[in-house]
């Protein structure tokens, strides 16, 4: 149910923003819809009495880019990213491993931000940089452990290659940064898993992706 509600909210946000930029829609120029697949390199974060680790895995998602009128090459970006993976929490006692818990994990990002594309006359390859802000959702799938939402940001760079005006390829590397990861009460279930850094922290991960750009 949480996924259906999240997706409905994100679709609603997309509709509102597209309507807000109706001049671009009316002209049907420059709006890019890009489904993509990639591979995410996750990491680990130290907790109060152990370590939390997310396994590397494939990811997939969708970006919608809407050109902004203030400057050529500047676009509004909406991003949805999902990874189905495993997570492990290791509990240590006097520097020795006391317990290890492994469970399935769904990681999602809901983001909005901007893209700056370097436009060169006649060039088919266009380098770009992207920065987005939003929320990330870490959900232990099929577990009694509670899910968690975090404020997050992404920072990416790559290239868009356009063989023609309607179809292109987007190649990108992206840094994913959920903030305050490890706040008190993170994933404490009946089997223990006491956690909580208690201070602001960042769980760094990244992905490399390739997508098919469809230009409206």
N, C-alpha and C. Protein backbone atom coordinates (compact mmCIF):
# COMPACT_ATOMS: atom_id res chain seq x y z
N UNK A 1 0.82 -1.21 0.00
CA UNK A 1 0.00 0.00 0.00
C UNK A 1 0.86 1.26 0.00
N UNK A 2 1.98 1.21 0.76
CA UNK A 2 2.84 2.38 0.82
C UNK A 2 3.36 2.74 -0.57
N UNK A 3 3.67 1.71 -1.41
CA UNK A 3 4.19 1.95 -2.74
C UNK A 3 3.14 2.60 -3.62
N UNK A 4 1.90 2.11 -3.55
CA UNK A 4 0.84 2.68 -4.35
C UNK A 4 0.63 4.15 -3.98
N UNK A 5 0.62 4.45 -2.70
CA UNK A 5 0.43 5.84 -2.26
C UNK A 5 1.58 6.72 -2.72
N UNK A 6 2.82 6.22 -2.63
CA UNK A 6 3.98 7.00 -3.02
C UNK A 6 3.97 7.28 -4.52
N UNK A 7 3.68 6.25 -5.30
CA UNK A 7 3.65 6.42 -6.75
C UNK A 7 2.54 7.38 -7.17
N UNK A 8 1.37 7.25 -6.55
CA UNK A 8 0.26 8.16 -6.87
C UNK A 8 0.63 9.61 -6.56
N UNK A 9 1.30 9.82 -5.43
CA UNK A 9 1.71 11.18 -5.07
C UNK A 9 2.71 11.72 -6.09
N UNK A 10 3.67 10.89 -6.48
CA UNK A 10 4.69 11.34 -7.42
C UNK A 10 4.08 11.63 -8.78
N UNK A 11 3.15 10.80 -9.24
CA UNK A 11 2.47 11.05 -10.51
C UNK A 11 1.67 12.36 -10.43
N UNK A 12 1.00 12.57 -9.29
CA UNK A 12 0.26 13.81 -9.10
C UNK A 12 1.19 15.02 -9.19
N UNK A 13 2.38 14.90 -8.57
CA UNK A 13 3.35 15.99 -8.61
C UNK A 13 3.80 16.26 -10.04
N UNK A 14 4.03 15.21 -10.80
CA UNK A 14 4.44 15.36 -12.19
C UNK A 14 3.37 16.11 -12.99
N UNK A 15 2.11 15.72 -12.80
CA UNK A 15 1.01 16.35 -13.53
C UNK A 15 0.93 17.84 -13.19
N UNK A 16 1.03 18.18 -11.91
CA UNK A 16 0.96 19.58 -11.49
C UNK A 16 2.08 20.40 -12.12
N UNK A 17 3.30 19.85 -12.11
CA UNK A 17 4.44 20.59 -12.65
C UNK A 17 4.35 20.72 -14.16
N UNK A 18 3.89 19.68 -14.83
CA UNK A 18 3.74 19.76 -16.29
C UNK A 18 2.69 20.80 -16.67
N UNK A 19 1.60 20.82 -15.93
CA UNK A 19 0.57 21.83 -16.18
C UNK A 19 1.12 23.23 -15.93
N UNK A 20 1.97 23.34 -14.91
CA UNK A 20 2.58 24.63 -14.60
C UNK A 20 3.48 25.14 -15.71
N UNK A 21 4.05 24.22 -16.47
CA UNK A 21 4.90 24.61 -17.58
C UNK A 21 4.19 24.36 -18.91
N UNK A 22 2.93 24.74 -18.95
CA UNK A 22 2.09 24.49 -20.12
C UNK A 22 2.61 25.12 -21.41
N UNK A 23 3.32 26.26 -21.40
CA UNK A 23 3.85 26.77 -22.68
C UNK A 23 4.75 25.77 -23.38
N UNK A 24 5.60 25.10 -22.61
CA UNK A 24 6.47 24.09 -23.21
C UNK A 24 5.65 22.92 -23.72
N UNK A 25 4.61 22.55 -22.97
CA UNK A 25 3.75 21.45 -23.40
C UNK A 25 3.04 21.81 -24.69
N UNK A 26 2.53 23.04 -24.75
CA UNK A 26 1.78 23.47 -25.92
C UNK A 26 2.65 23.42 -27.19
N UNK A 27 3.91 23.78 -27.04
CA UNK A 27 4.81 23.76 -28.18
C UNK A 27 5.32 22.36 -28.47
N UNK A 28 5.19 21.44 -27.48
CA UNK A 28 5.65 20.06 -27.62
C UNK A 28 7.11 20.01 -28.03
N UNK A 29 7.94 20.81 -27.35
CA UNK A 29 9.36 20.82 -27.65
C UNK A 29 10.16 20.65 -26.37
N UNK A 30 11.12 19.77 -26.41
CA UNK A 30 12.12 19.74 -25.36
C UNK A 30 11.81 18.93 -24.12
N UNK A 31 10.60 18.44 -23.95
CA UNK A 31 10.29 17.63 -22.77
C UNK A 31 10.85 16.23 -22.98
N UNK A 32 11.65 15.75 -22.03
CA UNK A 32 12.32 14.47 -22.16
C UNK A 32 11.80 13.49 -21.11
N UNK A 33 11.37 12.33 -21.54
CA UNK A 33 10.96 11.24 -20.65
C UNK A 33 11.97 10.12 -20.84
N UNK A 34 12.63 9.73 -19.73
CA UNK A 34 13.74 8.78 -19.83
C UNK A 34 13.60 7.63 -18.84
N UNK A 35 13.12 6.46 -19.27
CA UNK A 35 13.23 5.27 -18.43
C UNK A 35 14.69 4.80 -18.45
N UNK A 36 15.18 4.31 -17.30
CA UNK A 36 16.59 3.92 -17.25
C UNK A 36 16.77 2.69 -16.37
N UNK A 37 17.88 2.02 -16.57
CA UNK A 37 18.32 0.92 -15.71
C UNK A 37 19.77 1.18 -15.35
N UNK A 38 20.20 0.63 -14.21
CA UNK A 38 21.57 0.86 -13.79
C UNK A 38 21.99 -0.11 -12.71
N UNK A 39 23.11 0.19 -12.11
CA UNK A 39 23.65 -0.62 -11.02
C UNK A 39 24.06 0.31 -9.89
N UNK A 40 23.57 0.01 -8.70
CA UNK A 40 23.81 0.89 -7.55
C UNK A 40 24.85 0.29 -6.63
N UNK A 41 25.84 1.10 -6.30
CA UNK A 41 26.89 0.73 -5.36
C UNK A 41 26.53 1.32 -4.01
N UNK A 42 26.05 0.49 -3.12
CA UNK A 42 25.63 0.96 -1.81
C UNK A 42 26.81 0.90 -0.84
N UNK A 43 26.54 1.17 0.42
CA UNK A 43 27.61 1.18 1.40
C UNK A 43 27.10 0.79 2.77
N UNK A 44 27.84 1.16 3.77
CA UNK A 44 27.48 0.84 5.15
C UNK A 44 27.59 2.09 6.00
N UNK A 45 26.92 2.06 7.14
CA UNK A 45 26.96 3.18 8.07
C UNK A 45 27.09 2.62 9.49
N UNK A 46 28.00 3.16 10.31
CA UNK A 46 28.15 2.68 11.69
C UNK A 46 26.96 3.10 12.55
N UNK A 47 26.48 2.18 13.38
CA UNK A 47 25.38 2.46 14.29
C UNK A 47 25.91 2.49 15.72
N UNK A 48 24.99 2.62 16.68
CA UNK A 48 25.39 2.73 18.07
C UNK A 48 26.17 1.51 18.54
N UNK A 49 25.71 0.32 18.17
CA UNK A 49 26.38 -0.89 18.64
C UNK A 49 26.61 -1.89 17.51
N UNK A 50 26.78 -1.37 16.29
CA UNK A 50 27.01 -2.27 15.17
C UNK A 50 27.18 -1.52 13.87
N UNK A 51 26.83 -2.19 12.78
CA UNK A 51 26.99 -1.62 11.45
C UNK A 51 25.84 -2.06 10.56
N UNK A 52 25.31 -1.12 9.77
CA UNK A 52 24.22 -1.41 8.84
C UNK A 52 24.78 -1.35 7.43
N UNK A 53 24.50 -2.37 6.63
CA UNK A 53 25.07 -2.48 5.29
C UNK A 53 23.99 -2.84 4.29
N UNK A 54 23.97 -2.13 3.15
CA UNK A 54 23.04 -2.41 2.05
C UNK A 54 23.83 -3.00 0.90
N UNK A 55 23.36 -4.12 0.35
CA UNK A 55 24.07 -4.83 -0.71
C UNK A 55 23.91 -4.12 -2.05
N UNK A 56 25.00 -4.11 -2.84
CA UNK A 56 24.94 -3.57 -4.19
C UNK A 56 23.94 -4.35 -5.02
N UNK A 57 23.24 -3.64 -5.95
CA UNK A 57 22.24 -4.33 -6.76
C UNK A 57 21.85 -3.47 -7.96
N UNK A 58 21.11 -4.09 -8.89
CA UNK A 58 20.57 -3.35 -10.01
C UNK A 58 19.50 -2.37 -9.53
N UNK A 59 19.35 -1.26 -10.25
CA UNK A 59 18.26 -0.34 -9.97
C UNK A 59 17.63 0.12 -11.28
N UNK A 60 16.50 0.78 -11.18
CA UNK A 60 15.79 1.25 -12.37
C UNK A 60 14.90 2.42 -11.97
N UNK A 61 14.41 3.16 -12.97
CA UNK A 61 13.57 4.30 -12.64
C UNK A 61 13.19 5.12 -13.86
N UNK A 62 12.81 6.36 -13.60
CA UNK A 62 12.31 7.25 -14.64
C UNK A 62 12.68 8.69 -14.30
N UNK A 63 13.10 9.44 -15.31
CA UNK A 63 13.28 10.88 -15.16
C UNK A 63 12.39 11.60 -16.16
N UNK A 64 11.88 12.75 -15.74
CA UNK A 64 11.14 13.65 -16.63
C UNK A 64 11.85 14.99 -16.57
N UNK A 65 12.28 15.49 -17.73
CA UNK A 65 12.98 16.77 -17.82
C UNK A 65 12.14 17.77 -18.59
N UNK A 66 11.91 18.92 -17.97
CA UNK A 66 11.10 19.98 -18.57
C UNK A 66 11.97 21.22 -18.75
N UNK A 67 12.11 21.75 -19.97
CA UNK A 67 12.96 22.93 -20.18
C UNK A 67 12.41 24.15 -19.46
N UNK A 68 13.31 24.91 -18.85
CA UNK A 68 12.94 26.15 -18.16
C UNK A 68 13.25 27.35 -19.05
N UNK A 69 12.44 28.40 -18.94
CA UNK A 69 12.58 29.53 -19.86
C UNK A 69 13.74 30.47 -19.54
N UNK A 70 14.33 30.35 -18.31
CA UNK A 70 15.30 31.35 -17.93
C UNK A 70 16.62 31.28 -18.69
N UNK A 71 17.00 30.06 -19.15
CA UNK A 71 18.29 29.91 -19.83
C UNK A 71 18.27 28.65 -20.66
N UNK A 72 18.90 28.70 -21.83
CA UNK A 72 18.98 27.53 -22.68
C UNK A 72 19.80 26.43 -22.00
N UNK A 73 19.29 25.21 -22.04
CA UNK A 73 20.00 24.09 -21.44
C UNK A 73 19.64 23.80 -20.00
N UNK A 74 18.87 24.66 -19.36
CA UNK A 74 18.45 24.45 -17.97
C UNK A 74 17.10 23.74 -17.95
N UNK A 75 17.01 22.66 -17.21
CA UNK A 75 15.79 21.85 -17.18
C UNK A 75 15.38 21.53 -15.74
N UNK A 76 14.09 21.45 -15.53
CA UNK A 76 13.55 20.90 -14.29
C UNK A 76 13.57 19.38 -14.41
N UNK A 77 14.02 18.71 -13.35
CA UNK A 77 14.06 17.25 -13.40
C UNK A 77 13.23 16.63 -12.28
N UNK A 78 12.41 15.65 -12.64
CA UNK A 78 11.69 14.80 -11.69
C UNK A 78 12.29 13.41 -11.80
N UNK A 79 12.61 12.81 -10.66
CA UNK A 79 13.31 11.53 -10.65
C UNK A 79 12.63 10.54 -9.73
N UNK A 80 12.40 9.32 -10.24
CA UNK A 80 11.99 8.19 -9.40
C UNK A 80 13.01 7.08 -9.62
N UNK A 81 13.56 6.56 -8.52
CA UNK A 81 14.58 5.52 -8.58
C UNK A 81 14.24 4.43 -7.57
N UNK A 82 14.40 3.16 -7.99
CA UNK A 82 14.09 2.05 -7.09
C UNK A 82 15.17 0.97 -7.20
N UNK A 83 15.50 0.37 -6.05
CA UNK A 83 16.42 -0.76 -6.00
C UNK A 83 15.84 -1.83 -5.07
N UNK A 84 15.82 -3.09 -5.53
CA UNK A 84 15.41 -4.22 -4.72
C UNK A 84 16.67 -5.00 -4.33
N UNK A 85 16.96 -5.06 -3.04
CA UNK A 85 18.24 -5.59 -2.61
C UNK A 85 18.10 -6.30 -1.26
N UNK A 86 19.23 -6.54 -0.61
CA UNK A 86 19.28 -7.09 0.74
C UNK A 86 20.04 -6.14 1.65
N UNK A 87 19.70 -6.17 2.93
CA UNK A 87 20.41 -5.37 3.93
C UNK A 87 20.82 -6.28 5.09
N UNK A 88 21.88 -5.88 5.76
CA UNK A 88 22.37 -6.66 6.88
C UNK A 88 22.72 -5.74 8.05
N UNK A 89 22.33 -6.14 9.25
CA UNK A 89 22.70 -5.40 10.44
C UNK A 89 23.55 -6.30 11.33
N UNK A 90 24.79 -5.88 11.58
CA UNK A 90 25.70 -6.63 12.44
C UNK A 90 25.80 -5.95 13.80
N UNK A 91 25.55 -6.71 14.83
CA UNK A 91 25.66 -6.21 16.20
C UNK A 91 26.98 -6.69 16.81
N UNK A 92 27.72 -5.74 17.39
CA UNK A 92 29.01 -6.07 17.99
C UNK A 92 28.96 -5.93 19.51
N UNK A 93 29.70 -6.81 20.16
CA UNK A 93 29.82 -6.75 21.62
C UNK A 93 31.29 -6.89 21.96
N UNK A 94 31.84 -5.80 22.52
CA UNK A 94 33.28 -5.75 22.82
C UNK A 94 34.11 -6.10 21.58
N UNK A 95 33.75 -5.40 20.47
CA UNK A 95 34.47 -5.52 19.19
C UNK A 95 34.38 -6.90 18.56
N UNK A 96 33.47 -7.74 19.04
CA UNK A 96 33.25 -9.06 18.44
C UNK A 96 31.83 -9.14 17.91
N UNK A 97 31.65 -9.80 16.76
CA UNK A 97 30.33 -9.93 16.16
C UNK A 97 29.45 -10.81 17.04
N UNK A 98 28.34 -10.23 17.53
CA UNK A 98 27.43 -10.97 18.41
C UNK A 98 26.21 -11.49 17.67
N UNK A 99 25.75 -10.75 16.66
CA UNK A 99 24.54 -11.14 15.94
C UNK A 99 24.54 -10.50 14.57
N UNK A 100 24.02 -11.21 13.57
CA UNK A 100 23.90 -10.67 12.23
C UNK A 100 22.51 -10.96 11.69
N UNK A 101 21.79 -9.91 11.25
CA UNK A 101 20.44 -10.05 10.72
C UNK A 101 20.43 -9.61 9.26
N UNK A 102 19.84 -10.42 8.39
CA UNK A 102 19.74 -10.11 6.96
C UNK A 102 18.28 -10.14 6.54
N UNK A 103 17.87 -9.15 5.74
CA UNK A 103 16.49 -9.10 5.27
C UNK A 103 16.44 -8.38 3.92
N UNK A 104 15.38 -8.65 3.15
CA UNK A 104 15.18 -7.97 1.87
C UNK A 104 14.89 -6.50 2.09
N UNK A 105 15.31 -5.68 1.14
CA UNK A 105 15.14 -4.24 1.29
C UNK A 105 14.75 -3.61 -0.04
N UNK A 106 13.74 -2.74 -0.02
CA UNK A 106 13.38 -1.92 -1.16
C UNK A 106 13.82 -0.49 -0.85
N UNK A 107 14.62 0.09 -1.74
CA UNK A 107 15.11 1.46 -1.57
C UNK A 107 14.55 2.30 -2.72
N UNK A 108 13.89 3.41 -2.37
CA UNK A 108 13.29 4.28 -3.38
C UNK A 108 13.71 5.73 -3.15
N UNK A 109 13.83 6.46 -4.25
CA UNK A 109 14.12 7.90 -4.21
C UNK A 109 13.04 8.64 -4.98
N UNK A 110 12.51 9.70 -4.36
CA UNK A 110 11.54 10.61 -4.98
C UNK A 110 12.18 12.00 -4.97
N UNK A 111 12.55 12.50 -6.14
CA UNK A 111 13.39 13.69 -6.19
C UNK A 111 12.88 14.73 -7.19
N UNK A 112 13.22 15.99 -6.91
CA UNK A 112 12.97 17.09 -7.84
C UNK A 112 14.17 18.02 -7.80
N UNK A 113 14.58 18.51 -8.97
CA UNK A 113 15.76 19.36 -8.99
C UNK A 113 15.98 19.96 -10.37
N UNK A 114 17.25 20.16 -10.70
CA UNK A 114 17.58 20.82 -11.95
C UNK A 114 18.71 20.13 -12.68
N UNK A 115 18.73 20.34 -14.01
CA UNK A 115 19.77 19.81 -14.88
C UNK A 115 20.30 20.97 -15.72
N UNK A 116 21.62 21.04 -15.84
CA UNK A 116 22.24 22.05 -16.71
C UNK A 116 22.95 21.33 -17.84
N UNK A 117 22.42 21.46 -19.05
CA UNK A 117 22.97 20.79 -20.22
C UNK A 117 23.85 21.77 -20.99
N UNK A 118 25.05 21.34 -21.35
CA UNK A 118 25.95 22.18 -22.15
C UNK A 118 25.58 22.02 -23.61
N UNK A 119 25.01 23.08 -24.16
CA UNK A 119 24.53 23.05 -25.55
C UNK A 119 25.61 23.58 -26.48
N UNK A 120 25.94 22.80 -27.50
CA UNK A 120 26.86 23.24 -28.54
C UNK A 120 26.17 23.09 -29.89
N UNK A 121 26.21 24.11 -30.73
CA UNK A 121 25.53 24.04 -32.03
C UNK A 121 25.99 22.84 -32.85
N UNK A 122 25.02 22.03 -33.26
CA UNK A 122 25.33 20.89 -34.10
C UNK A 122 25.87 19.67 -33.38
N UNK A 123 26.12 19.76 -32.08
CA UNK A 123 26.70 18.63 -31.34
C UNK A 123 25.62 17.61 -30.98
N UNK A 124 25.89 16.34 -31.22
CA UNK A 124 24.96 15.28 -30.85
C UNK A 124 25.16 14.82 -29.40
N UNK A 125 26.36 14.98 -28.87
CA UNK A 125 26.66 14.62 -27.49
C UNK A 125 26.64 15.88 -26.62
N UNK A 126 25.81 15.86 -25.54
CA UNK A 126 25.64 17.03 -24.70
C UNK A 126 25.93 16.67 -23.24
N UNK A 127 27.07 17.11 -22.70
CA UNK A 127 27.37 16.85 -21.28
C UNK A 127 26.39 17.60 -20.39
N UNK A 128 26.15 17.07 -19.19
CA UNK A 128 25.23 17.73 -18.27
C UNK A 128 25.61 17.42 -16.82
N UNK A 129 25.11 18.26 -15.93
CA UNK A 129 25.20 18.04 -14.50
C UNK A 129 23.80 18.14 -13.90
N UNK A 130 23.55 17.41 -12.82
CA UNK A 130 22.21 17.38 -12.22
C UNK A 130 22.29 17.41 -10.71
N UNK A 131 21.37 18.13 -10.08
CA UNK A 131 21.26 18.18 -8.63
C UNK A 131 19.79 18.11 -8.26
N UNK A 132 19.42 17.17 -7.38
CA UNK A 132 18.03 17.03 -6.96
C UNK A 132 17.93 16.91 -5.45
N UNK A 133 16.75 17.24 -4.93
CA UNK A 133 16.44 17.11 -3.51
C UNK A 133 15.10 16.40 -3.37
N UNK A 134 14.91 15.73 -2.26
CA UNK A 134 13.64 15.06 -2.05
C UNK A 134 13.69 14.10 -0.88
N UNK A 135 13.10 12.93 -1.07
CA UNK A 135 13.00 11.94 0.00
C UNK A 135 13.45 10.58 -0.50
N UNK A 136 13.94 9.76 0.42
CA UNK A 136 14.26 8.38 0.12
C UNK A 136 13.54 7.48 1.11
N UNK A 137 13.13 6.30 0.64
CA UNK A 137 12.33 5.37 1.43
C UNK A 137 13.06 4.04 1.52
N UNK A 138 13.38 3.61 2.73
CA UNK A 138 14.02 2.32 2.97
C UNK A 138 13.00 1.41 3.62
N UNK A 139 12.59 0.37 2.89
CA UNK A 139 11.52 -0.49 3.36
C UNK A 139 11.98 -1.95 3.42
N UNK A 140 12.07 -2.53 4.62
CA UNK A 140 12.41 -3.95 4.75
C UNK A 140 11.24 -4.81 4.25
N UNK A 141 11.36 -5.36 3.07
CA UNK A 141 10.27 -6.09 2.43
C UNK A 141 10.06 -7.44 3.11
N UNK A 142 8.79 -7.74 3.45
CA UNK A 142 8.47 -9.02 4.05
C UNK A 142 8.98 -9.18 5.45
N UNK A 143 9.18 -8.06 6.16
CA UNK A 143 9.71 -8.12 7.51
C UNK A 143 8.80 -7.34 8.45
N UNK A 144 8.86 -7.68 9.75
CA UNK A 144 8.10 -6.94 10.75
C UNK A 144 8.80 -5.65 11.14
N UNK A 145 10.02 -5.47 10.64
CA UNK A 145 10.78 -4.27 10.93
C UNK A 145 10.17 -3.09 10.19
N UNK A 146 10.10 -1.95 10.82
CA UNK A 146 9.43 -0.78 10.25
C UNK A 146 10.28 -0.12 9.17
N UNK A 147 9.58 0.51 8.21
CA UNK A 147 10.27 1.25 7.17
C UNK A 147 10.65 2.63 7.68
N UNK A 148 11.53 3.32 6.92
CA UNK A 148 11.99 4.64 7.32
C UNK A 148 12.06 5.56 6.10
N UNK A 149 11.72 6.85 6.31
CA UNK A 149 11.85 7.90 5.30
C UNK A 149 12.98 8.83 5.72
N UNK A 150 13.74 9.34 4.72
CA UNK A 150 14.82 10.27 5.01
C UNK A 150 14.83 11.38 3.98
N UNK A 151 15.24 12.56 4.40
CA UNK A 151 15.55 13.63 3.45
C UNK A 151 16.80 13.20 2.68
N UNK A 152 16.83 13.46 1.37
CA UNK A 152 17.96 13.01 0.57
C UNK A 152 18.24 13.95 -0.58
N UNK A 153 19.41 13.78 -1.16
CA UNK A 153 19.82 14.56 -2.32
C UNK A 153 20.60 13.67 -3.28
N UNK A 154 20.64 14.04 -4.54
CA UNK A 154 21.46 13.33 -5.52
C UNK A 154 22.28 14.35 -6.31
N UNK A 155 23.46 13.94 -6.70
CA UNK A 155 24.36 14.77 -7.49
C UNK A 155 24.90 13.92 -8.62
N UNK A 156 24.64 14.33 -9.86
CA UNK A 156 25.02 13.49 -10.99
C UNK A 156 25.65 14.27 -12.13
N UNK A 157 26.29 13.52 -13.03
CA UNK A 157 26.87 14.09 -14.24
C UNK A 157 26.88 13.01 -15.30
N UNK A 158 26.83 13.44 -16.54
CA UNK A 158 26.82 12.45 -17.62
C UNK A 158 26.75 13.12 -18.97
N UNK A 159 26.22 12.37 -19.94
CA UNK A 159 26.11 12.89 -21.29
C UNK A 159 24.81 12.39 -21.91
N UNK A 160 24.19 13.25 -22.70
CA UNK A 160 23.03 12.89 -23.49
C UNK A 160 23.45 12.86 -24.97
N UNK A 161 23.15 11.74 -25.63
CA UNK A 161 23.54 11.58 -27.03
C UNK A 161 22.28 11.49 -27.88
N UNK A 162 22.17 12.39 -28.87
CA UNK A 162 20.96 12.46 -29.69
C UNK A 162 21.29 12.15 -31.15
N UNK A 163 21.02 10.92 -31.61
CA UNK A 163 21.17 10.61 -33.03
C UNK A 163 20.20 11.41 -33.89
N UNK A 164 19.02 11.72 -33.32
CA UNK A 164 18.05 12.58 -33.99
C UNK A 164 17.34 13.43 -32.94
N UNK A 165 16.35 14.20 -33.36
CA UNK A 165 15.71 15.15 -32.46
C UNK A 165 14.71 14.50 -31.49
N UNK A 166 14.29 13.30 -31.74
CA UNK A 166 13.23 12.68 -30.94
C UNK A 166 13.70 11.56 -30.02
N UNK A 167 14.85 10.99 -30.31
CA UNK A 167 15.34 9.86 -29.52
C UNK A 167 16.78 10.11 -29.11
N UNK A 168 17.10 9.74 -27.89
CA UNK A 168 18.47 9.89 -27.42
C UNK A 168 18.83 8.85 -26.38
N UNK A 169 20.07 8.88 -25.96
CA UNK A 169 20.59 7.98 -24.93
C UNK A 169 21.18 8.84 -23.82
N UNK A 170 20.85 8.49 -22.57
CA UNK A 170 21.37 9.21 -21.41
C UNK A 170 22.27 8.27 -20.60
N UNK A 171 23.55 8.64 -20.48
CA UNK A 171 24.52 7.90 -19.68
C UNK A 171 24.90 8.76 -18.49
N UNK A 172 24.86 8.19 -17.28
CA UNK A 172 25.03 9.03 -16.09
C UNK A 172 25.65 8.26 -14.93
N UNK A 173 26.45 8.99 -14.15
CA UNK A 173 26.90 8.54 -12.84
C UNK A 173 26.29 9.46 -11.81
N UNK A 174 25.84 8.90 -10.67
CA UNK A 174 25.08 9.70 -9.72
C UNK A 174 25.48 9.32 -8.28
N UNK A 175 25.65 10.34 -7.44
CA UNK A 175 25.89 10.15 -6.02
C UNK A 175 24.57 10.30 -5.27
N UNK A 176 24.21 9.30 -4.44
CA UNK A 176 22.95 9.29 -3.70
C UNK A 176 23.25 9.54 -2.22
N UNK A 177 22.52 10.48 -1.62
CA UNK A 177 22.87 10.92 -0.26
C UNK A 177 21.65 11.06 0.64
N UNK A 178 21.19 10.00 1.28
CA UNK A 178 20.16 10.16 2.32
C UNK A 178 20.78 10.75 3.59
N UNK A 179 20.15 11.76 4.16
CA UNK A 179 20.67 12.43 5.35
C UNK A 179 20.00 11.89 6.62
N UNK A 180 20.71 12.02 7.74
CA UNK A 180 20.23 11.57 9.05
C UNK A 180 19.95 10.08 9.06
N UNK A 181 20.67 9.35 8.24
CA UNK A 181 20.54 7.91 8.24
C UNK A 181 21.11 7.36 9.54
N UNK A 182 20.33 6.57 10.23
CA UNK A 182 20.80 6.06 11.51
C UNK A 182 20.22 6.81 12.68
N UNK A 183 19.09 7.48 12.47
CA UNK A 183 18.45 8.17 13.57
C UNK A 183 17.92 7.16 14.58
N UNK A 184 17.61 7.62 15.77
CA UNK A 184 17.21 6.72 16.85
C UNK A 184 16.02 5.88 16.45
N UNK A 185 16.07 4.61 16.79
CA UNK A 185 14.95 3.72 16.54
C UNK A 185 14.95 3.08 15.17
N UNK A 186 16.05 3.18 14.42
CA UNK A 186 16.08 2.63 13.08
C UNK A 186 16.01 1.12 13.10
N UNK A 187 14.94 0.55 12.54
CA UNK A 187 14.79 -0.88 12.35
C UNK A 187 15.06 -1.69 13.61
N UNK A 188 14.35 -1.38 14.65
CA UNK A 188 14.43 -2.17 15.87
C UNK A 188 13.25 -3.13 15.90
N UNK A 189 13.50 -4.40 15.73
CA UNK A 189 12.46 -5.40 15.71
C UNK A 189 12.45 -6.24 16.96
N UNK A 190 11.67 -7.30 16.93
CA UNK A 190 11.54 -8.15 18.11
C UNK A 190 12.83 -8.91 18.40
N UNK A 191 13.69 -9.05 17.39
CA UNK A 191 14.93 -9.77 17.60
C UNK A 191 16.08 -8.90 18.02
N UNK A 192 15.81 -7.64 18.36
CA UNK A 192 16.89 -6.76 18.78
C UNK A 192 17.11 -5.67 17.77
N UNK A 193 18.32 -5.58 17.24
CA UNK A 193 18.69 -4.59 16.23
C UNK A 193 18.53 -3.19 16.79
N UNK A 194 19.05 -2.94 17.97
CA UNK A 194 19.04 -1.59 18.52
C UNK A 194 19.97 -0.73 17.68
N UNK A 195 19.50 0.46 17.33
CA UNK A 195 20.28 1.30 16.44
C UNK A 195 20.10 2.75 16.85
N UNK A 196 20.82 3.61 16.16
CA UNK A 196 20.65 5.03 16.41
C UNK A 196 21.96 5.74 16.63
N UNK A 197 22.35 6.52 15.64
CA UNK A 197 23.54 7.34 15.78
C UNK A 197 23.22 8.56 16.63
N UNK A 198 22.02 9.10 16.43
CA UNK A 198 21.58 10.23 17.24
C UNK A 198 22.05 11.56 16.72
N UNK A 199 22.84 11.57 15.65
CA UNK A 199 23.30 12.81 15.06
C UNK A 199 23.11 12.73 13.55
N UNK A 200 23.18 13.88 12.90
CA UNK A 200 23.01 13.92 11.46
C UNK A 200 24.17 13.20 10.77
N UNK A 201 23.84 12.33 9.83
CA UNK A 201 24.86 11.61 9.09
C UNK A 201 24.36 11.40 7.67
N UNK A 202 25.24 10.94 6.81
CA UNK A 202 24.90 10.73 5.41
C UNK A 202 25.29 9.30 5.04
N UNK A 203 24.35 8.59 4.41
CA UNK A 203 24.60 7.24 3.93
C UNK A 203 24.91 7.36 2.44
N UNK A 204 26.19 7.33 2.09
CA UNK A 204 26.60 7.57 0.72
C UNK A 204 26.50 6.30 -0.12
N UNK A 205 25.94 6.45 -1.30
CA UNK A 205 25.94 5.38 -2.30
C UNK A 205 25.94 6.05 -3.67
N UNK A 206 26.02 5.26 -4.70
CA UNK A 206 26.03 5.83 -6.04
C UNK A 206 25.56 4.82 -7.06
N UNK A 207 25.21 5.31 -8.24
CA UNK A 207 24.81 4.39 -9.30
C UNK A 207 25.28 4.87 -10.66
N UNK A 208 25.38 3.92 -11.57
CA UNK A 208 25.69 4.19 -12.97
C UNK A 208 24.52 3.66 -13.79
N UNK A 209 24.02 4.49 -14.70
CA UNK A 209 22.80 4.10 -15.40
C UNK A 209 22.84 4.50 -16.86
N UNK A 210 21.97 3.83 -17.63
CA UNK A 210 21.78 4.16 -19.04
C UNK A 210 20.28 4.21 -19.31
N UNK A 211 19.85 5.22 -20.05
CA UNK A 211 18.42 5.38 -20.31
C UNK A 211 18.12 5.76 -21.74
N UNK A 212 16.90 5.52 -22.14
CA UNK A 212 16.42 5.88 -23.47
C UNK A 212 15.60 7.17 -23.37
N UNK A 213 16.08 8.23 -24.01
CA UNK A 213 15.39 9.53 -23.98
C UNK A 213 14.36 9.59 -25.08
N UNK A 214 13.13 9.93 -24.68
CA UNK A 214 12.04 10.15 -25.63
C UNK A 214 11.68 11.62 -25.55
N UNK A 215 11.87 12.36 -26.63
CA UNK A 215 11.65 13.81 -26.65
C UNK A 215 10.25 14.09 -27.22
N UNK A 216 9.44 14.83 -26.46
CA UNK A 216 8.10 15.19 -26.93
C UNK A 216 8.15 16.49 -27.72
